[in-house]
């Protein structure tokens, strides 16, 4: 009888210890960080030297390191550890049937979706007008699409306003085109938003008060996450714009030559 009681006691003690081990296992804690948010497949590239990890947090093991401009296929987006800039997305760069490898969301910009003829995955809402020329910008995706008579004719990654100076949403129209020009800071010297007189190649103003679509030579990274605090491999840590929609020089030049005064500009959340 005493032997049986002792055996039950030992079994109970073992069960309690096993439960504590599982509850305190760091891997379990790390795994709870991630929740799947998207399973669409798209193509992107790294913006800087990027650690490839086995999970969506810096506590996971580094499998390898990718150089800047390495092309990757993203199979899923999960919410994980926020490393900087409030960005919680981590991108899974291996298929769902293989071992999971992740790269932090702030280190990848979207380029295209091979399953849609090279066009980016995000679809602008609302749908473009079936007639005329229209520029659609998504603040969520940091992307711009140009439509003519309802047909997509051009698209590009962009950068919009930082959280403190967010780009206003709504429907607008291009009313001024400048090539070349200089931008002058409306904020006084000493303000955290002040900037020196800045040369701009192509600028299209779509809202009074200095809201432009324009090139920005002081940025080399555009696309998802760049409106927040992000790392530019050439110019270092940067915020998004002061409210404008900035883009690479090639995109601004194309847009300037394509869009006449009066072109609709739709800025979506």
C-alpha atoms as a PDB file:
ATOM      1  CA  UNK A   1       0.000   0.000   0.000  1.00  0.00           C
ATOM      2  CA  UNK A   2       2.742   2.437   0.929  1.00  0.00           C
ATOM      3  CA  UNK A   3       4.662   1.516  -2.220  1.00  0.00           C
ATOM      4  CA  UNK A   4       1.582   2.276  -4.340  1.00  0.00           C
ATOM      5  CA  UNK A   5       1.067   5.663  -2.666  1.00  0.00           C
ATOM      6  CA  UNK A   6       4.738   6.477  -3.172  1.00  0.00           C
ATOM      7  CA  UNK A   7       4.482   5.539  -6.860  1.00  0.00           C
ATOM      8  CA  UNK A   8       1.413   7.777  -7.361  1.00  0.00           C
ATOM      9  CA  UNK A   9       3.188  10.613  -5.570  1.00  0.00           C
ATOM     10  CA  UNK A  10       6.227  10.323  -7.813  1.00  0.00           C
ATOM     11  CA  UNK A  11       4.070  10.198 -10.938  1.00  0.00           C
ATOM     12  CA  UNK A  12       2.189  13.312  -9.854  1.00  0.00           C
ATOM     13  CA  UNK A  13       5.431  15.132  -9.093  1.00  0.00           C
ATOM     14  CA  UNK A  14       6.800  14.208 -12.516  1.00  0.00           C
ATOM     15  CA  UNK A  15       3.648  15.520 -14.233  1.00  0.00           C
ATOM     16  CA  UNK A  16       3.939  18.867 -12.399  1.00  0.00           C
ATOM     17  CA  UNK A  17       7.619  19.207 -13.343  1.00  0.00           C
ATOM     18  CA  UNK A  18       6.854  18.364 -16.979  1.00  0.00           C
ATOM     19  CA  UNK A  19       4.139  21.023 -17.106  1.00  0.00           C
ATOM     20  CA  UNK A  20       6.555  23.609 -15.682  1.00  0.00           C
ATOM     21  CA  UNK A  21       9.208  22.740 -18.255  1.00  0.00           C
ATOM     22  CA  UNK A  22       6.737  23.149 -21.124  1.00  0.00           C
ATOM     23  CA  UNK A  23       5.362  26.412 -19.747  1.00  0.00           C
ATOM     24  CA  UNK A  24       8.825  27.917 -19.246  1.00  0.00           C
ATOM     25  CA  UNK A  25      10.335  26.657 -22.492  1.00  0.00           C
ATOM     26  CA  UNK A  26      11.732  29.704 -24.345  1.00  0.00           C
ATOM     27  CA  UNK A  27      10.819  28.190 -27.698  1.00  0.00           C
ATOM     28  CA  UNK A  28       7.179  28.056 -26.636  1.00  0.00           C
ATOM     29  CA  UNK A  29       7.312  31.691 -25.585  1.00  0.00           C
ATOM     30  CA  UNK A  30       8.905  32.727 -28.874  1.00  0.00           C
ATOM     31  CA  UNK A  31       6.411  30.772 -30.924  1.00  0.00           C
ATOM     32  CA  UNK A  32       3.520  32.597 -29.271  1.00  0.00           C
ATOM     33  CA  UNK A  33       4.829  35.866 -30.749  1.00  0.00           C
ATOM     34  CA  UNK A  34       3.740  34.945 -34.245  1.00  0.00           C
ATOM     35  CA  UNK A  35       0.264  34.914 -35.704  1.00  0.00           C
ATOM     36  CA  UNK A  36      -0.317  34.392 -39.408  1.00  0.00           C
ATOM     37  CA  UNK A  37      -1.711  37.472 -41.136  1.00  0.00           C
ATOM     38  CA  UNK A  38      -1.315  36.679 -44.829  1.00  0.00           C
ATOM     39  CA  UNK A  39      -0.482  33.725 -47.030  1.00  0.00           C
ATOM     40  CA  UNK A  40      -0.260  35.432 -50.445  1.00  0.00           C
ATOM     41  CA  UNK A  41       2.901  34.914 -52.498  1.00  0.00           C
ATOM     42  CA  UNK A  42       4.898  37.825 -53.911  1.00  0.00           C
ATOM     43  CA  UNK A  43       8.422  38.790 -54.855  1.00  0.00           C
ATOM     44  CA  UNK A  44      10.627  41.287 -53.036  1.00  0.00           C
ATOM     45  CA  UNK A  45      14.226  42.211 -52.437  1.00  0.00           C
ATOM     46  CA  UNK A  46      16.331  42.944 -49.370  1.00  0.00           C
ATOM     47  CA  UNK A  47      17.278  46.561 -48.739  1.00  0.00           C
ATOM     48  CA  UNK A  48      20.285  45.857 -46.536  1.00  0.00           C
ATOM     49  CA  UNK A  49      22.266  42.962 -45.051  1.00  0.00           C
ATOM     50  CA  UNK A  50      19.481  40.762 -43.689  1.00  0.00           C
ATOM     51  CA  UNK A  51      19.602  37.959 -41.126  1.00  0.00           C
ATOM     52  CA  UNK A  52      17.519  34.958 -42.141  1.00  0.00           C
ATOM     53  CA  UNK A  53      16.052  33.368 -39.000  1.00  0.00           C
ATOM     54  CA  UNK A  54      14.089  30.262 -38.084  1.00  0.00           C
ATOM     55  CA  UNK A  55      11.315  32.317 -36.479  1.00  0.00           C
ATOM     56  CA  UNK A  56       9.808  35.826 -36.375  1.00  0.00           C
ATOM     57  CA  UNK A  57      11.968  37.296 -33.599  1.00  0.00           C
ATOM     58  CA  UNK A  58      15.633  38.100 -32.960  1.00  0.00           C
ATOM     59  CA  UNK A  59      15.800  35.293 -30.408  1.00  0.00           C
ATOM     60  CA  UNK A  60      15.594  32.688 -33.153  1.00  0.00           C
ATOM     61  CA  UNK A  61      18.670  31.176 -34.772  1.00  0.00           C
ATOM     62  CA  UNK A  62      20.296  32.820 -37.808  1.00  0.00           C
ATOM     63  CA  UNK A  63      20.366  30.408 -40.742  1.00  0.00           C
ATOM     64  CA  UNK A  64      22.224  32.657 -43.178  1.00  0.00           C
ATOM     65  CA  UNK A  65      22.668  36.322 -44.109  1.00  0.00           C
ATOM     66  CA  UNK A  66      21.418  37.833 -47.381  1.00  0.00           C
ATOM     67  CA  UNK A  67      23.208  40.697 -49.088  1.00  0.00           C
ATOM     68  CA  UNK A  68      21.380  43.899 -50.152  1.00  0.00           C
ATOM     69  CA  UNK A  69      19.168  43.531 -53.259  1.00  0.00           C
ATOM     70  CA  UNK A  70      18.809  39.764 -52.849  1.00  0.00           C
ATOM     71  CA  UNK A  71      15.578  38.693 -54.571  1.00  0.00           C
ATOM     72  CA  UNK A  72      13.268  36.641 -52.353  1.00  0.00           C
ATOM     73  CA  UNK A  73       9.858  35.040 -52.705  1.00  0.00           C
ATOM     74  CA  UNK A  74       7.564  35.756 -49.760  1.00  0.00           C
ATOM     75  CA  UNK A  75       5.141  32.921 -49.016  1.00  0.00           C
ATOM     76  CA  UNK A  76       3.488  34.325 -45.884  1.00  0.00           C
ATOM     77  CA  UNK A  77       3.461  37.337 -43.605  1.00  0.00           C
ATOM     78  CA  UNK A  78       3.324  36.847 -39.839  1.00  0.00           C
ATOM     79  CA  UNK A  79       3.190  39.218 -36.905  1.00  0.00           C
ATOM     80  CA  UNK A  80       6.257  38.914 -34.708  1.00  0.00           C
ATOM     81  CA  UNK A  81       8.750  40.969 -32.733  1.00  0.00           C
ATOM     82  CA  UNK A  82       8.875  44.726 -33.379  1.00  0.00           C
ATOM     83  CA  UNK A  83      12.546  45.507 -33.938  1.00  0.00           C
ATOM     84  CA  UNK A  84      12.278  49.157 -35.012  1.00  0.00           C
ATOM     85  CA  UNK A  85       9.909  51.677 -36.551  1.00  0.00           C
ATOM     86  CA  UNK A  86       6.810  49.955 -35.157  1.00  0.00           C
ATOM     87  CA  UNK A  87       7.095  47.277 -37.871  1.00  0.00           C
ATOM     88  CA  UNK A  88       5.808  43.904 -36.604  1.00  0.00           C
ATOM     89  CA  UNK A  89       5.706  42.032 -39.935  1.00  0.00           C
ATOM     90  CA  UNK A  90       8.102  39.161 -40.606  1.00  0.00           C
ATOM     91  CA  UNK A  91       8.191  37.558 -44.039  1.00  0.00           C
ATOM     92  CA  UNK A  92       8.450  33.819 -44.538  1.00  0.00           C
ATOM     93  CA  UNK A  93      10.765  33.217 -47.504  1.00  0.00           C
ATOM     94  CA  UNK A  94      10.435  29.438 -47.690  1.00  0.00           C
ATOM     95  CA  UNK A  95       7.436  27.438 -48.876  1.00  0.00           C
ATOM     96  CA  UNK A  96       4.885  26.280 -46.329  1.00  0.00           C
ATOM     97  CA  UNK A  97       5.930  22.680 -46.938  1.00  0.00           C
ATOM     98  CA  UNK A  98       9.569  23.232 -45.954  1.00  0.00           C
ATOM     99  CA  UNK A  99      11.497  24.494 -42.931  1.00  0.00           C
ATOM    100  CA  UNK A 100      10.452  28.036 -42.013  1.00  0.00           C
ATOM    101  CA  UNK A 101      12.905  30.884 -42.706  1.00  0.00           C
ATOM    102  CA  UNK A 102      12.004  34.495 -41.908  1.00  0.00           C
ATOM    103  CA  UNK A 103      13.353  37.978 -42.623  1.00  0.00           C
ATOM    104  CA  UNK A 104      12.255  41.067 -40.710  1.00  0.00           C
ATOM    105  CA  UNK A 105       9.669  43.101 -42.615  1.00  0.00           C
ATOM    106  CA  UNK A 106      11.641  46.332 -42.418  1.00  0.00           C
ATOM    107  CA  UNK A 107      14.396  44.786 -44.541  1.00  0.00           C
ATOM    108  CA  UNK A 108      12.331  43.747 -47.578  1.00  0.00           C
ATOM    109  CA  UNK A 109      10.542  45.869 -50.166  1.00  0.00           C
ATOM    110  CA  UNK A 110       8.011  44.422 -52.548  1.00  0.00           C
ATOM    111  CA  UNK A 111       8.880  44.333 -56.255  1.00  0.00           C
ATOM    112  CA  UNK A 112       6.339  42.146 -58.047  1.00  0.00           C
ATOM    113  CA  UNK A 113       4.149  39.096 -57.971  1.00  0.00           C
ATOM    114  CA  UNK A 114       5.277  36.449 -60.502  1.00  0.00           C
ATOM    115  CA  UNK A 115       1.758  35.044 -60.558  1.00  0.00           C
ATOM    116  CA  UNK A 116       0.223  38.271 -61.906  1.00  0.00           C
ATOM    117  CA  UNK A 117       2.454  39.038 -64.855  1.00  0.00           C
ATOM    118  CA  UNK A 118       5.029  40.996 -62.881  1.00  0.00           C
ATOM    119  CA  UNK A 119       2.573  43.387 -61.280  1.00  0.00           C
ATOM    120  CA  UNK A 120       2.608  43.991 -57.508  1.00  0.00           C
ATOM    121  CA  UNK A 121       0.233  41.968 -55.381  1.00  0.00           C
ATOM    122  CA  UNK A 122      -1.713  44.851 -53.734  1.00  0.00           C
ATOM    123  CA  UNK A 123      -4.900  45.862 -55.531  1.00  0.00           C
ATOM    124  CA  UNK A 124      -5.909  49.506 -55.100  1.00  0.00           C
ATOM    125  CA  UNK A 125      -9.378  50.254 -53.774  1.00  0.00           C
ATOM    126  CA  UNK A 126     -11.659  51.690 -54.998  1.00  0.00           C
ATOM    127  CA  UNK A 127     -11.351  50.525 -58.599  1.00  0.00           C
ATOM    128  CA  UNK A 128      -9.877  53.046 -61.031  1.00  0.00           C
ATOM    129  CA  UNK A 129     -12.073  55.113 -63.317  1.00  0.00           C
ATOM    130  CA  UNK A 130     -12.832  53.411 -66.654  1.00  0.00           C
ATOM    131  CA  UNK A 131     -12.077  56.645 -68.505  1.00  0.00           C
ATOM    132  CA  UNK A 132      -9.169  59.062 -68.497  1.00  0.00           C
ATOM    133  CA  UNK A 133      -5.917  59.010 -66.557  1.00  0.00           C
ATOM    134  CA  UNK A 134      -5.775  58.285 -62.834  1.00  0.00           C
ATOM    135  CA  UNK A 135      -2.995  57.914 -60.261  1.00  0.00           C
ATOM    136  CA  UNK A 136      -3.794  55.658 -57.301  1.00  0.00           C
ATOM    137  CA  UNK A 137      -1.593  55.570 -54.191  1.00  0.00           C
ATOM    138  CA  UNK A 138      -1.933  53.103 -51.299  1.00  0.00           C
ATOM    139  CA  UNK A 139      -0.564  54.272 -47.948  1.00  0.00           C
ATOM    140  CA  UNK A 140      -0.797  50.725 -46.585  1.00  0.00           C
ATOM    141  CA  UNK A 141       1.240  49.204 -49.376  1.00  0.00           C
ATOM    142  CA  UNK A 142       3.417  52.249 -50.149  1.00  0.00           C
ATOM    143  CA  UNK A 143       2.744  51.707 -53.819  1.00  0.00           C
ATOM    144  CA  UNK A 144       1.505  53.755 -56.776  1.00  0.00           C
ATOM    145  CA  UNK A 145      -0.434  52.650 -59.860  1.00  0.00           C
ATOM    146  CA  UNK A 146      -1.128  54.683 -63.013  1.00  0.00           C
ATOM    147  CA  UNK A 147      -4.246  53.847 -65.037  1.00  0.00           C
ATOM    148  CA  UNK A 148      -5.404  54.962 -68.447  1.00  0.00           C
ATOM    149  CA  UNK A 149      -9.031  54.235 -69.341  1.00  0.00           C
ATOM    150  CA  UNK A 150      -9.115  51.653 -66.559  1.00  0.00           C
ATOM    151  CA  UNK A 151      -6.001  49.807 -67.741  1.00  0.00           C
ATOM    152  CA  UNK A 152      -2.847  49.628 -65.637  1.00  0.00           C
ATOM    153  CA  UNK A 153       0.018  51.263 -67.552  1.00  0.00           C
ATOM    154  CA  UNK A 154       2.636  51.837 -64.835  1.00  0.00           C
ATOM    155  CA  UNK A 155       3.342  51.126 -61.177  1.00  0.00           C
ATOM    156  CA  UNK A 156       6.094  51.865 -58.685  1.00  0.00           C
ATOM    157  CA  UNK A 157       7.025  51.577 -55.040  1.00  0.00           C
ATOM    158  CA  UNK A 158       6.725  54.949 -53.287  1.00  0.00           C
ATOM    159  CA  UNK A 159       7.259  56.547 -49.900  1.00  0.00           C
ATOM    160  CA  UNK A 160       4.550  58.604 -48.191  1.00  0.00           C
ATOM    161  CA  UNK A 161       4.314  60.744 -45.059  1.00  0.00           C
ATOM    162  CA  UNK A 162       5.780  59.689 -41.745  1.00  0.00           C
ATOM    163  CA  UNK A 163       3.290  59.084 -38.895  1.00  0.00           C
ATOM    164  CA  UNK A 164       3.575  62.661 -37.583  1.00  0.00           C
ATOM    165  CA  UNK A 165       3.057  64.151 -41.058  1.00  0.00           C
ATOM    166  CA  UNK A 166       0.812  61.616 -42.714  1.00  0.00           C
ATOM    167  CA  UNK A 167      -0.175  61.949 -46.356  1.00  0.00           C
ATOM    168  CA  UNK A 168      -3.861  63.022 -46.527  1.00  0.00           C
ATOM    169  CA  UNK A 169      -6.266  60.552 -48.096  1.00  0.00           C
ATOM    170  CA  UNK A 170      -8.964  61.478 -50.587  1.00  0.00           C
ATOM    171  CA  UNK A 171      -9.508  62.366 -54.236  1.00  0.00           C
ATOM    172  CA  UNK A 172      -7.450  65.217 -55.720  1.00  0.00           C
ATOM    173  CA  UNK A 173      -6.211  66.492 -59.077  1.00  0.00           C
ATOM    174  CA  UNK A 174      -2.832  67.586 -60.388  1.00  0.00           C
ATOM    175  CA  UNK A 175      -2.892  71.390 -60.683  1.00  0.00           C
ATOM    176  CA  UNK A 176       0.811  72.288 -60.982  1.00  0.00           C
ATOM    177  CA  UNK A 177       3.818  70.674 -62.660  1.00  0.00           C
ATOM    178  CA  UNK A 178       7.414  71.802 -62.029  1.00  0.00           C
ATOM    179  CA  UNK A 179      10.606  70.648 -63.766  1.00  0.00           C
ATOM    180  CA  UNK A 180      13.087  71.280 -62.276  1.00  0.00           C
ATOM    181  CA  UNK A 181      12.414  73.092 -59.000  1.00  0.00           C
ATOM    182  CA  UNK A 182      13.511  73.539 -55.401  1.00  0.00           C
ATOM    183  CA  UNK A 183      11.537  72.735 -52.273  1.00  0.00           C
ATOM    184  CA  UNK A 184      11.840  75.148 -49.344  1.00  0.00           C
ATOM    185  CA  UNK A 185      10.998  74.126 -45.795  1.00  0.00           C
ATOM    186  CA  UNK A 186       7.822  75.686 -44.346  1.00  0.00           C
ATOM    187  CA  UNK A 187       9.208  74.821 -40.901  1.00  0.00           C
ATOM    188  CA  UNK A 188      11.758  77.150 -39.283  1.00  0.00           C
ATOM    189  CA  UNK A 189      15.371  76.190 -38.765  1.00  0.00           C
ATOM    190  CA  UNK A 190      15.607  74.271 -35.496  1.00  0.00           C
ATOM    191  CA  UNK A 191      12.324  72.454 -36.066  1.00  0.00           C
ATOM    192  CA  UNK A 192      12.650  68.644 -36.231  1.00  0.00           C
ATOM    193  CA  UNK A 193      10.893  68.899 -39.617  1.00  0.00           C
ATOM    194  CA  UNK A 194      13.122  71.589 -41.129  1.00  0.00           C
ATOM    195  CA  UNK A 195      15.098  70.737 -44.246  1.00  0.00           C
ATOM    196  CA  UNK A 196      17.489  72.802 -46.388  1.00  0.00           C
ATOM    197  CA  UNK A 197      16.511  74.006 -49.899  1.00  0.00           C
ATOM    198  CA  UNK A 198      16.255  70.780 -51.874  1.00  0.00           C
ATOM    199  CA  UNK A 199      16.603  70.240 -55.612  1.00  0.00           C
ATOM    200  CA  UNK A 200      13.773  68.293 -57.254  1.00  0.00           C
ATOM    201  CA  UNK A 201      13.764  67.067 -60.843  1.00  0.00           C
ATOM    202  CA  UNK A 202      10.049  66.396 -61.324  1.00  0.00           C
ATOM    203  CA  UNK A 203       7.151  67.545 -59.137  1.00  0.00           C
ATOM    204  CA  UNK A 204       3.371  67.361 -59.573  1.00  0.00           C
ATOM    205  CA  UNK A 205       1.317  69.193 -56.948  1.00  0.00           C
ATOM    206  CA  UNK A 206      -2.042  67.593 -56.170  1.00  0.00           C
ATOM    207  CA  UNK A 207      -3.129  69.395 -53.000  1.00  0.00           C
ATOM    208  CA  UNK A 208      -2.576  73.004 -51.964  1.00  0.00           C
ATOM    209  CA  UNK A 209      -0.023  73.448 -49.241  1.00  0.00           C
ATOM    210  CA  UNK A 210       2.876  71.712 -50.938  1.00  0.00           C
ATOM    211  CA  UNK A 211       1.678  68.139 -51.414  1.00  0.00           C
ATOM    212  CA  UNK A 212       3.534  66.746 -54.414  1.00  0.00           C
ATOM    213  CA  UNK A 213       4.304  63.576 -56.289  1.00  0.00           C
ATOM    214  CA  UNK A 214       8.067  63.920 -56.805  1.00  0.00           C
ATOM    215  CA  UNK A 215      11.469  62.251 -57.069  1.00  0.00           C
ATOM    216  CA  UNK A 216      13.732  62.172 -54.011  1.00  0.00           C
ATOM    217  CA  UNK A 217      17.454  61.670 -54.603  1.00  0.00           C
ATOM    218  CA  UNK A 218      18.092  61.402 -50.827  1.00  0.00           C
ATOM    219  CA  UNK A 219      16.140  58.129 -50.633  1.00  0.00           C
ATOM    220  CA  UNK A 220      17.105  54.847 -52.275  1.00  0.00           C
ATOM    221  CA  UNK A 221      14.518  52.572 -50.649  1.00  0.00           C
ATOM    222  CA  UNK A 222      10.780  52.722 -51.316  1.00  0.00           C
ATOM    223  CA  UNK A 223       7.783  50.475 -50.714  1.00  0.00           C
ATOM    224  CA  UNK A 224       6.183  48.815 -47.654  1.00  0.00           C
ATOM    225  CA  UNK A 225       7.438  50.183 -44.339  1.00  0.00           C
ATOM    226  CA  UNK A 226       9.378  53.139 -45.725  1.00  0.00           C
ATOM    227  CA  UNK A 227       6.921  55.742 -44.443  1.00  0.00           C
ATOM    228  CA  UNK A 228       8.083  54.769 -40.937  1.00  0.00           C
ATOM    229  CA  UNK A 229      11.543  54.737 -39.367  1.00  0.00           C
ATOM    230  CA  UNK A 230      13.631  52.609 -41.727  1.00  0.00           C
ATOM    231  CA  UNK A 231      17.179  51.978 -42.849  1.00  0.00           C
ATOM    232  CA  UNK A 232      18.437  53.278 -46.180  1.00  0.00           C
ATOM    233  CA  UNK A 233      21.631  51.476 -47.253  1.00  0.00           C
ATOM    234  CA  UNK A 234      23.045  54.717 -48.707  1.00  0.00           C
ATOM    235  CA  UNK A 235      21.764  57.446 -46.384  1.00  0.00           C
ATOM    236  CA  UNK A 236      21.228  55.557 -43.126  1.00  0.00           C
ATOM    237  CA  UNK A 237      18.212  55.731 -40.820  1.00  0.00           C
ATOM    238  CA  UNK A 238      15.343  57.838 -42.163  1.00  0.00           C
ATOM    239  CA  UNK A 239      11.713  58.719 -41.623  1.00  0.00           C
ATOM    240  CA  UNK A 240       9.102  58.849 -44.363  1.00  0.00           C
ATOM    241  CA  UNK A 241       8.255  62.070 -46.168  1.00  0.00           C
ATOM    242  CA  UNK A 242       6.763  65.312 -44.857  1.00  0.00           C
ATOM    243  CA  UNK A 243       3.426  64.380 -46.477  1.00  0.00           C
ATOM    244  CA  UNK A 244       4.370  64.160 -50.147  1.00  0.00           C
ATOM    245  CA  UNK A 245       4.468  61.003 -52.251  1.00  0.00           C
ATOM    246  CA  UNK A 246       8.142  60.434 -53.085  1.00  0.00           C
ATOM    247  CA  UNK A 247       9.415  57.949 -55.660  1.00  0.00           C
ATOM    248  CA  UNK A 248      12.517  56.986 -57.670  1.00  0.00           C
ATOM    249  CA  UNK A 249      13.665  59.420 -60.354  1.00  0.00           C
ATOM    250  CA  UNK A 250      12.635  57.085 -63.182  1.00  0.00           C
ATOM    251  CA  UNK A 251       9.074  56.864 -61.839  1.00  0.00           C
ATOM    252  CA  UNK A 252       8.782  60.629 -61.321  1.00  0.00           C
ATOM    253  CA  UNK A 253      10.073  61.319 -64.846  1.00  0.00           C
ATOM    254  CA  UNK A 254       7.585  58.862 -66.350  1.00  0.00           C
ATOM    255  CA  UNK A 255       4.703  60.296 -64.334  1.00  0.00           C
ATOM    256  CA  UNK A 256       5.607  63.901 -65.197  1.00  0.00           C
ATOM    257  CA  UNK A 257       5.557  63.157 -68.921  1.00  0.00           C
ATOM    258  CA  UNK A 258       2.400  61.036 -68.761  1.00  0.00           C
ATOM    259  CA  UNK A 259       0.072  62.976 -66.424  1.00  0.00           C
ATOM    260  CA  UNK A 260      -1.376  66.310 -67.629  1.00  0.00           C
ATOM    261  CA  UNK A 261      -2.826  69.024 -65.424  1.00  0.00           C
ATOM    262  CA  UNK A 262      -6.176  67.779 -64.118  1.00  0.00           C
ATOM    263  CA  UNK A 263      -5.156  64.118 -63.731  1.00  0.00           C
ATOM    264  CA  UNK A 264      -7.042  62.487 -60.852  1.00  0.00           C
ATOM    265  CA  UNK A 265      -4.954  61.510 -57.834  1.00  0.00           C
ATOM    266  CA  UNK A 266      -6.614  59.004 -55.504  1.00  0.00           C
ATOM    267  CA  UNK A 267      -4.866  58.552 -52.147  1.00  0.00           C
ATOM    268  CA  UNK A 268      -6.166  55.466 -50.342  1.00  0.00           C
ATOM    269  CA  UNK A 269      -5.470  54.423 -46.723  1.00  0.00           C
END
